[in-house]
Amino acid sequence: MAYKELNPEEEYVILHKGTERPFTGKYFDNKAEGLYRCKQCGTPLFKSDAKFDSGTGWPSFDDAIEGAVKEVPDADGRRVEIVCAKCGGHLGHVFRGEGFTSKQTRHCVNSISLDFEAE
């Protein structure tokens, strides 16, 4: 499978499980309707209607497209990492029970791991 070429900053986050600084990513405050895709392989991951403002500085979604996001125990043993189910690219982490939405789920995603396709 052919993946998109990543720049060094994208590689740091997507391939080496880095994290972009909060409030710096281009999608944390995006309110447009559309579809968020994996930056590396283009797989649809999140719909804009699942996005909400968590105040954390990263794009937050209370739901993923079914089967698109895989949960993996994080190396730190405290968090749950989320990756693209198709290519394994690092997206961020998932948190539950915080009370932000009725779904009690926050997929905290690095903007740099995403591409956005406006409707």
N, C-alpha and C. Protein backbone atom coordinates (compact mmCIF):
# COMPACT_ATOMS: atom_id res chain seq x y z
N MET A 1 0.84 -1.18 0.00
CA MET A 1 0.00 0.00 0.00
C MET A 1 0.89 1.24 0.00
N ALA A 2 0.55 2.19 -0.83
CA ALA A 2 1.30 3.44 -0.93
C ALA A 2 0.75 4.46 0.06
N TYR A 3 1.65 5.03 0.87
CA TYR A 3 1.25 6.06 1.82
C TYR A 3 1.73 7.41 1.33
N LYS A 4 1.11 8.47 1.84
CA LYS A 4 1.55 9.82 1.52
C LYS A 4 2.93 10.06 2.13
N GLU A 5 3.73 10.87 1.44
CA GLU A 5 5.03 11.23 1.98
C GLU A 5 4.82 12.21 3.13
N LEU A 6 5.47 11.96 4.24
CA LEU A 6 5.32 12.80 5.43
C LEU A 6 6.55 13.68 5.61
N ASN A 7 6.32 14.90 6.09
CA ASN A 7 7.45 15.76 6.42
C ASN A 7 7.99 15.34 7.80
N PRO A 8 9.15 15.84 8.22
CA PRO A 8 9.74 15.40 9.49
C PRO A 8 8.83 15.59 10.71
N GLU A 9 8.08 16.69 10.76
CA GLU A 9 7.17 16.91 11.90
C GLU A 9 6.03 15.90 11.90
N GLU A 10 5.49 15.61 10.72
CA GLU A 10 4.43 14.60 10.61
C GLU A 10 4.96 13.22 10.99
N GLU A 11 6.17 12.88 10.54
CA GLU A 11 6.79 11.61 10.90
C GLU A 11 6.96 11.48 12.41
N TYR A 12 7.40 12.57 13.06
CA TYR A 12 7.60 12.56 14.51
C TYR A 12 6.32 12.15 15.23
N VAL A 13 5.18 12.68 14.83
CA VAL A 13 3.91 12.38 15.49
C VAL A 13 3.34 11.05 15.01
N ILE A 14 3.20 10.89 13.70
CA ILE A 14 2.47 9.74 13.14
C ILE A 14 3.26 8.44 13.25
N LEU A 15 4.55 8.47 12.99
CA LEU A 15 5.35 7.25 13.02
C LEU A 15 6.03 6.98 14.35
N HIS A 16 6.41 8.07 15.07
CA HIS A 16 7.18 7.91 16.30
C HIS A 16 6.38 8.27 17.55
N LYS A 17 5.07 8.40 17.38
CA LYS A 17 4.13 8.60 18.50
C LYS A 17 4.38 9.88 19.30
N GLY A 18 4.78 10.92 18.61
CA GLY A 18 4.97 12.21 19.25
C GLY A 18 3.65 12.92 19.48
N THR A 19 3.72 14.11 20.04
CA THR A 19 2.52 14.92 20.30
C THR A 19 2.81 16.36 19.90
N GLU A 20 1.88 16.95 19.16
CA GLU A 20 2.04 18.37 18.85
C GLU A 20 1.64 19.19 20.07
N ARG A 21 2.16 20.41 20.15
CA ARG A 21 1.82 21.29 21.28
C ARG A 21 0.35 21.66 21.22
N PRO A 22 -0.31 21.79 22.38
CA PRO A 22 -1.73 22.17 22.37
C PRO A 22 -1.93 23.56 21.78
N PHE A 23 -3.10 23.75 21.19
CA PHE A 23 -3.53 25.03 20.60
C PHE A 23 -2.68 25.47 19.41
N THR A 24 -1.88 24.56 18.82
CA THR A 24 -1.05 24.90 17.68
C THR A 24 -1.51 24.22 16.40
N GLY A 25 -2.27 23.15 16.51
CA GLY A 25 -2.70 22.41 15.33
C GLY A 25 -3.79 23.13 14.55
N LYS A 26 -3.84 22.90 13.26
CA LYS A 26 -4.76 23.65 12.42
C LYS A 26 -6.22 23.23 12.57
N TYR A 27 -6.50 22.12 13.22
CA TYR A 27 -7.89 21.67 13.32
C TYR A 27 -8.50 21.77 14.72
N PHE A 28 -7.75 22.16 15.74
CA PHE A 28 -8.31 22.16 17.09
C PHE A 28 -9.53 23.07 17.19
N ASP A 29 -9.56 24.13 16.40
CA ASP A 29 -10.68 25.08 16.47
C ASP A 29 -11.52 25.07 15.18
N ASN A 30 -11.34 24.06 14.35
CA ASN A 30 -12.08 23.97 13.09
C ASN A 30 -13.54 23.62 13.37
N LYS A 31 -14.46 24.42 12.86
CA LYS A 31 -15.89 24.18 13.07
C LYS A 31 -16.63 23.86 11.78
N ALA A 32 -15.88 23.71 10.68
CA ALA A 32 -16.49 23.40 9.39
C ALA A 32 -17.03 21.96 9.38
N GLU A 33 -18.05 21.75 8.55
CA GLU A 33 -18.61 20.41 8.40
C GLU A 33 -17.79 19.65 7.37
N GLY A 34 -17.57 18.37 7.66
CA GLY A 34 -16.81 17.55 6.72
C GLY A 34 -16.31 16.28 7.36
N LEU A 35 -15.23 15.77 6.81
CA LEU A 35 -14.69 14.47 7.18
C LEU A 35 -13.20 14.61 7.49
N TYR A 36 -12.79 14.01 8.59
CA TYR A 36 -11.38 13.99 8.97
C TYR A 36 -10.80 12.64 8.56
N ARG A 37 -9.70 12.69 7.82
CA ARG A 37 -9.05 11.49 7.30
C ARG A 37 -7.65 11.33 7.88
N CYS A 38 -7.15 10.11 7.86
CA CYS A 38 -5.78 9.83 8.27
C CYS A 38 -4.82 10.55 7.31
N LYS A 39 -3.89 11.30 7.86
CA LYS A 39 -2.90 12.03 7.06
C LYS A 39 -2.03 11.08 6.23
N GLN A 40 -1.74 9.90 6.79
CA GLN A 40 -0.81 8.98 6.13
C GLN A 40 -1.46 8.16 5.02
N CYS A 41 -2.68 7.63 5.25
CA CYS A 41 -3.26 6.72 4.26
C CYS A 41 -4.59 7.20 3.67
N GLY A 42 -5.18 8.26 4.24
CA GLY A 42 -6.41 8.81 3.70
C GLY A 42 -7.70 8.16 4.17
N THR A 43 -7.62 7.20 5.08
CA THR A 43 -8.81 6.53 5.59
C THR A 43 -9.70 7.50 6.35
N PRO A 44 -11.02 7.51 6.10
CA PRO A 44 -11.93 8.34 6.90
C PRO A 44 -11.93 7.86 8.35
N LEU A 45 -11.74 8.79 9.29
CA LEU A 45 -11.64 8.45 10.72
C LEU A 45 -12.77 9.04 11.56
N PHE A 46 -13.05 10.33 11.36
CA PHE A 46 -14.02 11.03 12.20
C PHE A 46 -14.89 11.94 11.33
N LYS A 47 -16.16 12.05 11.69
CA LYS A 47 -17.07 13.00 11.04
C LYS A 47 -17.11 14.26 11.90
N SER A 48 -17.33 15.40 11.25
CA SER A 48 -17.33 16.67 11.97
C SER A 48 -18.43 16.75 13.02
N ASP A 49 -19.53 16.02 12.84
CA ASP A 49 -20.60 16.10 13.84
C ASP A 49 -20.23 15.41 15.15
N ALA A 50 -19.12 14.68 15.18
CA ALA A 50 -18.63 14.06 16.42
C ALA A 50 -17.60 14.94 17.12
N LYS A 51 -17.21 16.06 16.50
CA LYS A 51 -16.18 16.94 17.06
C LYS A 51 -16.81 17.90 18.08
N PHE A 52 -16.10 18.15 19.16
CA PHE A 52 -16.56 19.09 20.17
C PHE A 52 -15.37 19.84 20.76
N ASP A 53 -15.65 20.96 21.40
CA ASP A 53 -14.61 21.78 22.01
C ASP A 53 -14.37 21.31 23.43
N SER A 54 -13.26 20.64 23.65
CA SER A 54 -12.93 20.14 24.98
C SER A 54 -12.11 21.16 25.77
N GLY A 55 -11.61 22.19 25.10
CA GLY A 55 -10.77 23.18 25.77
C GLY A 55 -9.36 22.69 26.03
N THR A 56 -9.00 21.52 25.49
CA THR A 56 -7.69 20.94 25.75
C THR A 56 -6.61 21.39 24.77
N GLY A 57 -7.04 21.96 23.61
CA GLY A 57 -6.08 22.41 22.63
C GLY A 57 -5.82 21.44 21.49
N TRP A 58 -6.49 20.30 21.51
CA TRP A 58 -6.40 19.33 20.43
C TRP A 58 -7.80 19.04 19.92
N PRO A 59 -7.93 18.65 18.65
CA PRO A 59 -9.25 18.24 18.16
C PRO A 59 -9.77 17.08 19.02
N SER A 60 -11.04 17.18 19.41
CA SER A 60 -11.66 16.15 20.25
C SER A 60 -12.93 15.64 19.58
N PHE A 61 -13.08 14.34 19.58
CA PHE A 61 -14.24 13.69 18.95
C PHE A 61 -14.82 12.69 19.94
N ASP A 62 -16.16 12.65 20.06
CA ASP A 62 -16.76 11.68 20.98
C ASP A 62 -17.13 10.38 20.29
N ASP A 63 -16.83 10.27 18.99
CA ASP A 63 -17.11 9.05 18.27
C ASP A 63 -16.20 8.98 17.05
N ALA A 64 -15.81 7.77 16.67
CA ALA A 64 -15.02 7.54 15.47
C ALA A 64 -15.89 6.78 14.47
N ILE A 65 -15.50 6.81 13.22
CA ILE A 65 -16.19 6.01 12.21
C ILE A 65 -15.93 4.54 12.56
N GLU A 66 -16.98 3.75 12.53
CA GLU A 66 -16.88 2.36 12.97
C GLU A 66 -15.75 1.62 12.25
N GLY A 67 -14.87 1.00 13.06
CA GLY A 67 -13.77 0.20 12.54
C GLY A 67 -12.56 0.98 12.05
N ALA A 68 -12.60 2.31 12.10
CA ALA A 68 -11.51 3.12 11.54
C ALA A 68 -10.37 3.39 12.52
N VAL A 69 -10.68 3.36 13.82
CA VAL A 69 -9.70 3.71 14.84
C VAL A 69 -9.50 2.52 15.78
N LYS A 70 -8.25 2.16 15.99
CA LYS A 70 -7.90 1.03 16.86
C LYS A 70 -7.32 1.56 18.17
N GLU A 71 -7.72 0.94 19.27
CA GLU A 71 -7.20 1.31 20.59
C GLU A 71 -6.10 0.33 21.00
N VAL A 72 -5.01 0.91 21.52
CA VAL A 72 -3.84 0.12 21.92
C VAL A 72 -3.37 0.62 23.28
N PRO A 73 -3.08 -0.28 24.24
CA PRO A 73 -2.53 0.20 25.52
C PRO A 73 -1.25 1.00 25.26
N ASP A 74 -1.17 2.18 25.87
CA ASP A 74 -0.02 3.06 25.68
C ASP A 74 1.19 2.50 26.43
N ALA A 75 2.36 2.82 25.92
CA ALA A 75 3.61 2.36 26.55
C ALA A 75 3.74 2.86 27.98
N ASP A 76 3.09 4.00 28.32
CA ASP A 76 3.19 4.52 29.69
C ASP A 76 2.32 3.75 30.67
N GLY A 77 1.46 2.85 30.16
CA GLY A 77 0.64 2.02 31.04
C GLY A 77 -0.55 2.73 31.65
N ARG A 78 -0.73 4.03 31.39
CA ARG A 78 -1.82 4.80 31.99
C ARG A 78 -2.88 5.20 30.98
N ARG A 79 -2.48 5.37 29.74
CA ARG A 79 -3.40 5.87 28.73
C ARG A 79 -3.66 4.80 27.67
N VAL A 80 -4.65 5.11 26.81
CA VAL A 80 -4.95 4.24 25.68
C VAL A 80 -4.67 5.02 24.40
N GLU A 81 -3.72 4.55 23.62
CA GLU A 81 -3.36 5.18 22.36
C GLU A 81 -4.41 4.84 21.31
N ILE A 82 -4.65 5.77 20.38
CA ILE A 82 -5.49 5.48 19.22
C ILE A 82 -4.64 5.61 17.97
N VAL A 83 -4.83 4.62 17.08
CA VAL A 83 -4.10 4.59 15.81
C VAL A 83 -5.09 4.35 14.68
N CYS A 84 -4.70 4.70 13.48
CA CYS A 84 -5.51 4.38 12.30
C CYS A 84 -5.53 2.87 12.16
N ALA A 85 -6.72 2.29 12.06
CA ALA A 85 -6.84 0.84 11.96
C ALA A 85 -6.26 0.30 10.66
N LYS A 86 -6.16 1.14 9.64
CA LYS A 86 -5.66 0.69 8.35
C LYS A 86 -4.13 0.70 8.27
N CYS A 87 -3.50 1.82 8.68
CA CYS A 87 -2.05 1.94 8.50
C CYS A 87 -1.26 1.94 9.82
N GLY A 88 -1.95 2.05 10.95
CA GLY A 88 -1.27 2.05 12.24
C GLY A 88 -0.67 3.38 12.65
N GLY A 89 -0.95 4.43 11.87
CA GLY A 89 -0.41 5.76 12.20
C GLY A 89 -0.97 6.27 13.53
N HIS A 90 -0.09 6.86 14.34
CA HIS A 90 -0.48 7.40 15.65
C HIS A 90 -1.40 8.61 15.46
N LEU A 91 -2.54 8.59 16.17
CA LEU A 91 -3.50 9.69 16.13
C LEU A 91 -3.48 10.49 17.42
N GLY A 92 -3.41 9.82 18.55
CA GLY A 92 -3.48 10.47 19.86
C GLY A 92 -3.87 9.46 20.91
N HIS A 93 -4.82 9.86 21.79
CA HIS A 93 -5.27 8.99 22.88
C HIS A 93 -6.78 9.12 23.06
N VAL A 94 -7.36 8.12 23.69
CA VAL A 94 -8.79 8.16 24.00
C VAL A 94 -8.96 8.17 25.52
N PHE A 95 -9.91 8.99 25.98
CA PHE A 95 -10.21 9.12 27.41
C PHE A 95 -11.70 8.92 27.60
N ARG A 96 -12.07 8.28 28.69
CA ARG A 96 -13.49 8.01 28.96
C ARG A 96 -13.87 8.52 30.34
N GLY A 97 -15.16 8.86 30.46
CA GLY A 97 -15.71 9.24 31.75
C GLY A 97 -15.42 10.66 32.18
N GLU A 98 -15.03 11.52 31.26
CA GLU A 98 -14.70 12.90 31.63
C GLU A 98 -15.92 13.82 31.66
N GLY A 99 -17.02 13.41 31.06
CA GLY A 99 -18.25 14.20 31.13
C GLY A 99 -18.40 15.29 30.09
N PHE A 100 -17.55 15.33 29.09
CA PHE A 100 -17.66 16.37 28.06
C PHE A 100 -18.93 16.23 27.24
N THR A 101 -19.28 14.98 26.88
CA THR A 101 -20.48 14.73 26.08
C THR A 101 -21.22 13.54 26.69
N SER A 102 -22.41 13.30 26.20
CA SER A 102 -23.22 12.17 26.72
C SER A 102 -22.57 10.82 26.40
N LYS A 103 -21.69 10.78 25.40
CA LYS A 103 -21.01 9.53 25.06
C LYS A 103 -19.84 9.23 26.00
N GLN A 104 -19.46 10.21 26.82
CA GLN A 104 -18.39 10.02 27.82
C GLN A 104 -17.07 9.55 27.20
N THR A 105 -16.83 9.97 25.97
CA THR A 105 -15.61 9.56 25.26
C THR A 105 -14.97 10.78 24.61
N ARG A 106 -13.65 10.86 24.73
CA ARG A 106 -12.91 11.94 24.06
C ARG A 106 -11.72 11.33 23.32
N HIS A 107 -11.82 11.29 22.00
CA HIS A 107 -10.68 10.94 21.18
C HIS A 107 -9.88 12.23 21.01
N CYS A 108 -8.75 12.30 21.65
CA CYS A 108 -7.89 13.49 21.63
C CYS A 108 -6.85 13.26 20.53
N VAL A 109 -6.97 14.02 19.44
CA VAL A 109 -6.22 13.73 18.22
C VAL A 109 -5.28 14.88 17.85
N ASN A 110 -4.09 14.53 17.40
CA ASN A 110 -3.16 15.52 16.88
C ASN A 110 -3.65 16.00 15.52
N SER A 111 -3.78 17.31 15.33
CA SER A 111 -4.18 17.86 14.03
C SER A 111 -3.27 17.37 12.92
N ILE A 112 -1.99 17.25 13.22
CA ILE A 112 -0.99 16.87 12.22
C ILE A 112 -1.21 15.45 11.70
N SER A 113 -1.97 14.64 12.44
CA SER A 113 -2.29 13.27 12.02
C SER A 113 -3.49 13.21 11.08
N LEU A 114 -4.10 14.37 10.82
CA LEU A 114 -5.37 14.43 10.06
C LEU A 114 -5.27 15.27 8.81
N ASP A 115 -6.12 14.94 7.86
CA ASP A 115 -6.46 15.81 6.74
C ASP A 115 -7.96 16.06 6.86
N PHE A 116 -8.42 17.23 6.44
CA PHE A 116 -9.84 17.56 6.52
C PHE A 116 -10.41 17.77 5.14
N GLU A 117 -11.55 17.15 4.91
CA GLU A 117 -12.27 17.28 3.64
C GLU A 117 -13.59 17.96 3.92
N ALA A 118 -13.71 19.20 3.54
CA ALA A 118 -14.94 19.96 3.80
C ALA A 118 -16.09 19.43 2.94
N GLU A 119 -17.30 19.51 3.50
CA GLU A 119 -18.51 19.09 2.76
C GLU A 119 -18.87 20.13 1.74
